[in-house]
Amino acid sequence: MTPTDHTPESIARMEGMTTEAETAETRGTIGTTGTVRRRPATWSRKTFLRLGLALPAPLLLAACGSPASTPTGGEARGARSPSNGVAARQAAPQTGAPAATAQPAGLGQPAGQAANQQAGAAQQLQPTPPCADDDATPRQTEGPYFQPNSPQRASLLEQGINGTRLLVTGRVLGTNCRPVARALLDFWQADDWGVYDNTGYRLRGHQFADSTGQYRLETIVPGLYPGRTRHIHVKVQAPNRPVLTTQLYFPDEARNRTDSIFHPDLLLAMQRPGDEYLASFDFVLDAA
């Protein structure tokens, strides 16, 4: 397939039409700084190693004794030197040996050197990708009402479309948790009465995700369809990759328990802060 094949027309060639009988039904509604004691004088590591070669073992052990007792209230108190021990442990390679903890400035190294080491360790840490699921989105039946060549648009709202408004947002990701730029998303659904437009393109449209895999769809809550729970059809395709055909479902629907096609992994995350519903769903495509 060439990049020019990444169109709604290519979806029709890659995916076969099914013959699922569906008819219209009546409309429906959606269910609703602590104190720090003064540090005793200590020897640097270089001094310690030199003395280790000259002093007898008992004297050397005495020099390694426990620090002085807890200072009294009359002693000066100060703030603890900052350290980045967590960052250093995370950045240390896993070789079986314990990870080295960054020392505060003044413990065997100049303050500037300690700060540079800590900054370098922090720079080695990579942010965790915002992906919570590495399983591909389940595939579902296409149904009989898919039509290729839908108009390119992010809003399916137009004159004559009635119903409760719905805004769906989300991302298209690979199983490697990386965003899929310019992924094709083709949506189609029934109207507020559960009827599909099979002569035109009402409540049908395709769009492309942006460079970060984000998409945004403005539509309405679909009506109930005989024998089915409330749902929206969609095809998703990464450039030059196979098409994922699936459906999105609504929470708290009684028919979710009886619809044999329904899949809980395809539920929209929904809320209703005002007159319209806000929903989100992330599609995960096989990145192999």
Protein backbone atom coordinates (compact mmCIF):
# COMPACT_ATOMS: atom_id res chain seq x y z
CA MET A 1 0.00 0.00 0.00
CA THR A 2 1.22 3.48 -0.79
CA PRO A 3 0.52 6.61 1.30
CA THR A 4 -2.16 7.58 -1.18
CA ASP A 5 -4.05 4.46 -0.18
CA HIS A 6 -4.52 5.85 3.34
CA THR A 7 -8.05 7.06 2.61
CA PRO A 8 -11.59 6.02 3.48
CA GLU A 9 -11.72 4.31 0.09
CA SER A 10 -8.85 2.02 1.12
CA ILE A 11 -10.85 0.95 4.14
CA ALA A 12 -13.63 -0.38 1.97
CA ARG A 13 -11.14 -2.44 -0.05
CA MET A 14 -9.38 -3.83 3.04
CA GLU A 15 -12.44 -4.61 5.07
CA GLY A 16 -15.28 -6.79 3.75
CA MET A 17 -18.89 -5.80 4.15
CA THR A 18 -20.95 -7.87 6.57
CA THR A 19 -24.61 -8.57 6.32
CA GLU A 20 -26.01 -7.80 9.73
CA ALA A 21 -29.73 -7.02 9.66
CA GLU A 22 -30.49 -3.79 11.48
CA THR A 23 -33.70 -1.68 11.37
CA ALA A 24 -34.77 1.54 13.06
CA GLU A 25 -36.24 1.78 16.53
CA THR A 26 -37.60 4.57 18.68
CA ARG A 27 -35.25 7.09 20.24
CA GLY A 28 -33.69 6.65 23.68
CA THR A 29 -31.77 8.57 26.31
CA ILE A 30 -28.42 7.76 27.80
CA GLY A 31 -28.03 6.49 31.39
CA THR A 32 -26.63 8.59 33.52
CA THR A 33 12.09 20.87 57.27
CA GLY A 34 12.93 19.11 60.05
CA THR A 35 15.72 19.85 62.56
CA VAL A 36 19.13 18.66 61.50
CA ARG A 37 21.97 18.12 63.93
CA ARG A 38 25.47 19.43 63.27
CA ARG A 39 27.58 16.94 61.37
CA PRO A 40 30.75 15.85 63.27
CA ALA A 41 34.08 16.37 61.63
CA THR A 42 34.90 13.55 59.21
CA TRP A 43 37.89 12.47 57.19
CA SER A 44 37.85 12.46 53.48
CA ARG A 45 38.12 9.13 51.71
CA LYS A 46 41.64 9.98 50.52
CA THR A 47 42.78 10.73 54.11
CA PHE A 48 41.14 7.55 55.33
CA LEU A 49 42.92 5.42 52.74
CA ARG A 50 46.27 7.01 53.56
CA LEU A 51 45.82 6.38 57.29
CA GLY A 52 44.74 2.85 56.58
CA LEU A 53 48.19 2.15 55.27
CA ALA A 54 49.98 3.72 58.28
CA LEU A 55 47.83 3.15 61.37
CA PRO A 56 47.44 -0.13 63.25
CA ALA A 57 44.09 -1.81 62.84
CA PRO A 58 42.76 -0.92 66.38
CA LEU A 59 43.43 2.77 65.86
CA LEU A 60 41.94 2.64 62.41
CA LEU A 61 38.77 1.01 63.74
CA ALA A 62 38.53 3.63 66.49
CA ALA A 63 38.68 6.33 63.85
CA CYS A 64 35.66 4.71 62.19
CA GLY A 65 33.58 4.79 65.37
CA SER A 66 30.03 6.11 65.65
CA PRO A 67 29.49 9.90 65.47
CA ALA A 68 29.10 12.11 68.48
CA SER A 69 25.92 12.07 70.52
CA THR A 70 22.86 14.07 69.58
CA PRO A 71 23.54 17.82 69.84
CA THR A 72 21.81 19.79 72.54
CA GLY A 73 19.41 22.64 72.00
CA GLY A 74 22.22 25.20 72.38
CA GLU A 75 23.96 23.97 69.25
CA ALA A 76 23.43 25.67 65.95
CA ARG A 77 20.89 24.18 63.56
CA GLY A 78 20.82 24.45 59.81
CA ALA A 79 19.07 23.18 56.71
CA ARG A 80 19.94 19.79 55.25
CA SER A 81 22.02 19.89 52.07
CA PRO A 82 19.89 18.96 49.07
CA SER A 83 20.54 15.66 47.34
CA ASN A 84 19.07 13.85 44.45
CA GLY A 85 19.46 10.31 45.69
CA VAL A 86 16.24 9.09 44.08
CA ALA A 87 17.23 10.39 40.66
CA ALA A 88 20.69 8.88 40.99
CA ARG A 89 19.28 5.48 41.95
CA GLN A 90 16.86 5.51 39.05
CA ALA A 91 19.49 6.58 36.55
CA ALA A 92 22.08 3.97 37.68
CA PRO A 93 22.36 0.97 35.29
CA GLN A 94 21.00 -2.32 36.57
CA THR A 95 24.17 -4.44 36.76
CA GLY A 96 23.36 -6.43 39.88
CA ALA A 97 25.33 -4.11 42.17
CA PRO A 98 23.53 -1.62 44.42
CA ALA A 99 22.89 1.75 42.78
CA ALA A 100 25.10 4.57 44.04
CA THR A 101 23.36 7.31 45.95
CA ALA A 102 24.35 10.89 45.19
CA GLN A 103 26.10 12.50 48.16
CA PRO A 104 25.23 15.93 49.48
CA ALA A 105 27.82 18.63 48.80
CA GLY A 106 30.70 18.58 51.28
CA LEU A 107 30.96 14.80 51.73
CA GLY A 108 34.18 14.05 49.93
CA GLN A 109 33.54 16.25 46.87
CA PRO A 110 33.25 19.98 46.06
CA ALA A 111 29.77 21.50 46.01
CA GLY A 112 29.96 22.36 42.30
CA GLN A 113 30.96 18.83 41.35
CA ALA A 114 28.11 17.35 43.39
CA ALA A 115 25.58 19.67 41.78
CA ASN A 116 26.82 18.79 38.29
CA GLN A 117 26.57 15.07 38.99
CA GLN A 118 23.05 15.43 40.31
CA ALA A 119 21.96 17.49 37.32
CA GLY A 120 23.45 14.91 34.96
CA ALA A 121 21.60 12.07 36.70
CA ALA A 122 18.32 13.94 36.43
CA GLN A 123 18.84 14.56 32.71
CA GLN A 124 19.28 10.83 32.10
CA LEU A 125 15.75 10.10 33.37
CA GLN A 126 13.22 9.78 30.59
CA PRO A 127 9.54 10.63 31.18
CA THR A 128 7.11 7.73 31.27
CA PRO A 129 4.94 7.66 28.13
CA PRO A 130 1.29 8.51 28.91
CA CYS A 131 0.03 5.07 27.97
CA ALA A 132 -1.75 2.82 30.45
CA ASP A 133 -2.55 -0.09 28.21
CA ASP A 134 -0.36 -1.90 25.68
CA ASP A 135 -3.12 -4.22 24.44
CA ALA A 136 -4.58 -3.44 21.04
CA THR A 137 -8.19 -2.20 20.92
CA PRO A 138 -10.57 -5.13 20.28
CA ARG A 139 -11.94 -5.56 16.79
CA GLN A 140 -15.67 -5.69 16.17
CA THR A 141 -18.08 -6.30 13.33
CA GLU A 142 -18.51 -3.58 10.74
CA GLY A 143 -22.27 -3.99 10.33
CA PRO A 144 -24.17 -3.43 7.08
CA TYR A 145 -24.24 0.36 7.00
CA PHE A 146 -20.66 1.45 6.39
CA GLN A 147 -20.20 3.73 3.37
CA PRO A 148 -16.83 4.73 1.90
CA ASN A 149 -16.01 8.23 0.71
CA SER A 150 -17.44 9.99 3.75
CA PRO A 151 -16.69 13.72 3.96
CA GLN A 152 -13.63 14.83 5.88
CA ARG A 153 -14.89 16.64 8.99
CA ALA A 154 -14.45 16.57 12.76
CA SER A 155 -18.04 17.64 13.44
CA LEU A 156 -21.01 15.57 12.35
CA LEU A 157 -23.42 18.28 13.51
CA GLU A 158 -25.42 19.98 10.77
CA GLN A 159 -28.83 21.48 10.18
CA GLY A 160 -31.60 19.02 10.95
CA ILE A 161 -29.53 16.92 13.36
CA ASN A 162 -31.38 16.72 16.69
CA GLY A 163 -30.39 15.02 19.90
CA THR A 164 -28.12 15.36 22.89
CA ARG A 165 -24.75 16.70 21.88
CA LEU A 166 -21.68 14.57 22.46
CA LEU A 167 -17.99 15.51 22.30
CA VAL A 168 -15.56 12.59 22.02
CA THR A 169 -11.81 13.18 22.37
CA GLY A 170 -8.84 10.88 22.71
CA ARG A 171 -5.63 9.63 21.18
CA VAL A 172 -4.47 7.02 18.71
CA LEU A 173 -1.49 5.12 20.12
CA GLY A 174 0.57 2.10 19.18
CA THR A 175 1.11 -0.87 21.47
CA ASN A 176 4.53 0.71 22.08
CA CYS A 177 2.68 3.65 23.72
CA ARG A 178 3.82 6.07 21.03
CA PRO A 179 1.28 8.36 19.35
CA VAL A 180 0.25 7.51 15.81
CA ALA A 181 0.41 10.72 13.81
CA ARG A 182 -2.03 11.22 10.94
CA ALA A 183 -4.05 8.14 11.80
CA LEU A 184 -7.32 7.95 9.87
CA LEU A 185 -10.57 7.74 11.89
CA ASP A 186 -13.87 7.15 10.06
CA PHE A 187 -17.04 7.41 12.20
CA TRP A 188 -20.66 6.55 11.42
CA GLN A 189 -23.71 6.13 13.63
CA ALA A 190 -27.49 6.17 13.91
CA ASP A 191 -29.42 9.36 14.56
CA ASP A 192 -31.46 10.22 17.64
CA TRP A 193 -34.19 7.82 16.47
CA GLY A 194 -31.82 4.90 15.86
CA VAL A 195 -31.90 5.34 12.07
CA TYR A 196 -28.87 5.25 9.75
CA ASP A 197 -28.65 7.49 6.71
CA ASN A 198 -27.94 5.05 3.86
CA THR A 199 -28.50 7.49 1.01
CA GLY A 200 -26.26 10.35 2.15
CA TYR A 201 -23.63 11.11 4.77
CA ARG A 202 -25.59 12.38 7.74
CA LEU A 203 -23.72 11.49 10.94
CA ARG A 204 -20.84 10.13 8.89
CA GLY A 205 -17.35 11.58 8.50
CA HIS A 206 -13.65 10.89 8.60
CA GLN A 207 -10.72 12.86 10.04
CA PHE A 208 -7.00 12.53 10.68
CA ALA A 209 -5.31 12.58 14.09
CA ASP A 210 -2.77 15.34 14.61
CA SER A 211 0.99 14.92 15.06
CA THR A 212 0.48 13.82 18.68
CA GLY A 213 -2.25 11.30 17.84
CA GLN A 214 -5.07 13.48 19.18
CA TYR A 215 -8.55 13.48 17.65
CA ARG A 216 -11.82 15.29 18.40
CA LEU A 217 -15.34 14.35 17.27
CA GLU A 218 -18.49 16.44 17.66
CA THR A 219 -21.70 14.44 17.26
CA ILE A 220 -24.87 13.42 19.12
CA VAL A 221 -25.75 10.52 21.37
CA PRO A 222 -27.11 7.86 19.00
CA GLY A 223 -30.57 6.41 19.48
CA LEU A 224 -31.21 2.78 20.31
CA TYR A 225 -31.24 0.30 17.46
CA PRO A 226 -33.33 -2.93 17.53
CA GLY A 227 -31.45 -5.76 19.17
CA ARG A 228 -28.40 -3.60 19.91
CA THR A 229 -27.19 -1.40 22.71
CA ARG A 230 -26.21 2.21 22.05
CA HIS A 231 -23.00 2.41 19.98
CA ILE A 232 -20.87 4.32 17.46
CA HIS A 233 -19.01 2.62 14.60
CA VAL A 234 -15.44 3.56 13.75
CA LYS A 235 -12.55 2.47 11.56
CA VAL A 236 -9.03 3.48 12.59
CA GLN A 237 -5.96 3.10 10.40
CA ALA A 238 -2.32 4.09 10.91
CA PRO A 239 -0.57 5.15 7.69
CA ASN A 240 0.18 2.11 5.54
CA ARG A 241 -1.10 -0.27 8.22
CA PRO A 242 -4.15 -2.57 8.46
CA VAL A 243 -7.55 -1.14 9.39
CA LEU A 244 -9.03 -1.59 12.86
CA THR A 245 -12.84 -1.80 12.70
CA THR A 246 -14.58 -1.52 16.05
CA GLN A 247 -17.43 0.12 18.00
CA LEU A 248 -17.67 2.43 20.99
CA TYR A 249 -20.23 1.87 23.75
CA PHE A 250 -21.92 3.93 26.46
CA PRO A 251 -21.81 3.15 30.19
CA ASP A 252 -24.89 2.41 32.32
CA GLU A 253 -26.92 1.09 29.41
CA ALA A 254 -29.33 -1.72 30.28
CA ARG A 255 -28.80 -3.35 26.89
CA ASN A 256 -25.07 -3.72 27.52
CA ARG A 257 -25.98 -6.87 29.47
CA THR A 258 -27.91 -8.47 26.62
CA ASP A 259 -26.06 -7.29 23.50
CA SER A 260 -23.89 -10.21 22.34
CA ILE A 261 -21.52 -7.86 20.48
CA PHE A 262 -20.93 -5.49 23.41
CA HIS A 263 -17.37 -5.41 24.81
CA PRO A 264 -16.54 -3.67 28.13
CA ASP A 265 -13.07 -2.67 26.87
CA LEU A 266 -14.81 -0.40 24.36
CA LEU A 267 -16.75 1.70 26.87
CA LEU A 268 -16.43 5.46 26.60
CA ALA A 269 -15.35 7.36 29.72
CA MET A 270 -18.17 9.87 30.11
CA GLN A 271 -19.30 12.85 32.16
CA ARG A 272 -21.98 15.50 31.77
CA PRO A 273 -20.94 18.87 33.21
CA GLY A 274 -23.60 20.78 31.27
CA ASP A 275 -26.02 20.32 28.42
CA GLU A 276 -23.73 18.03 26.44
CA TYR A 277 -21.88 14.83 27.20
CA LEU A 278 -18.08 14.73 27.25
CA ALA A 279 -16.50 11.38 26.44
CA SER A 280 -12.99 10.08 25.85
CA PHE A 281 -11.43 6.98 24.36
CA ASP A 282 -7.88 6.06 23.33
CA PHE A 283 -7.45 3.68 20.42
CA VAL A 284 -4.43 1.35 20.59
CA LEU A 285 -3.23 -0.07 17.29
CA ASP A 286 -0.90 -3.00 16.76
CA ALA A 287 2.49 -1.38 16.27
CA ALA A 288 4.16 -4.55 14.98
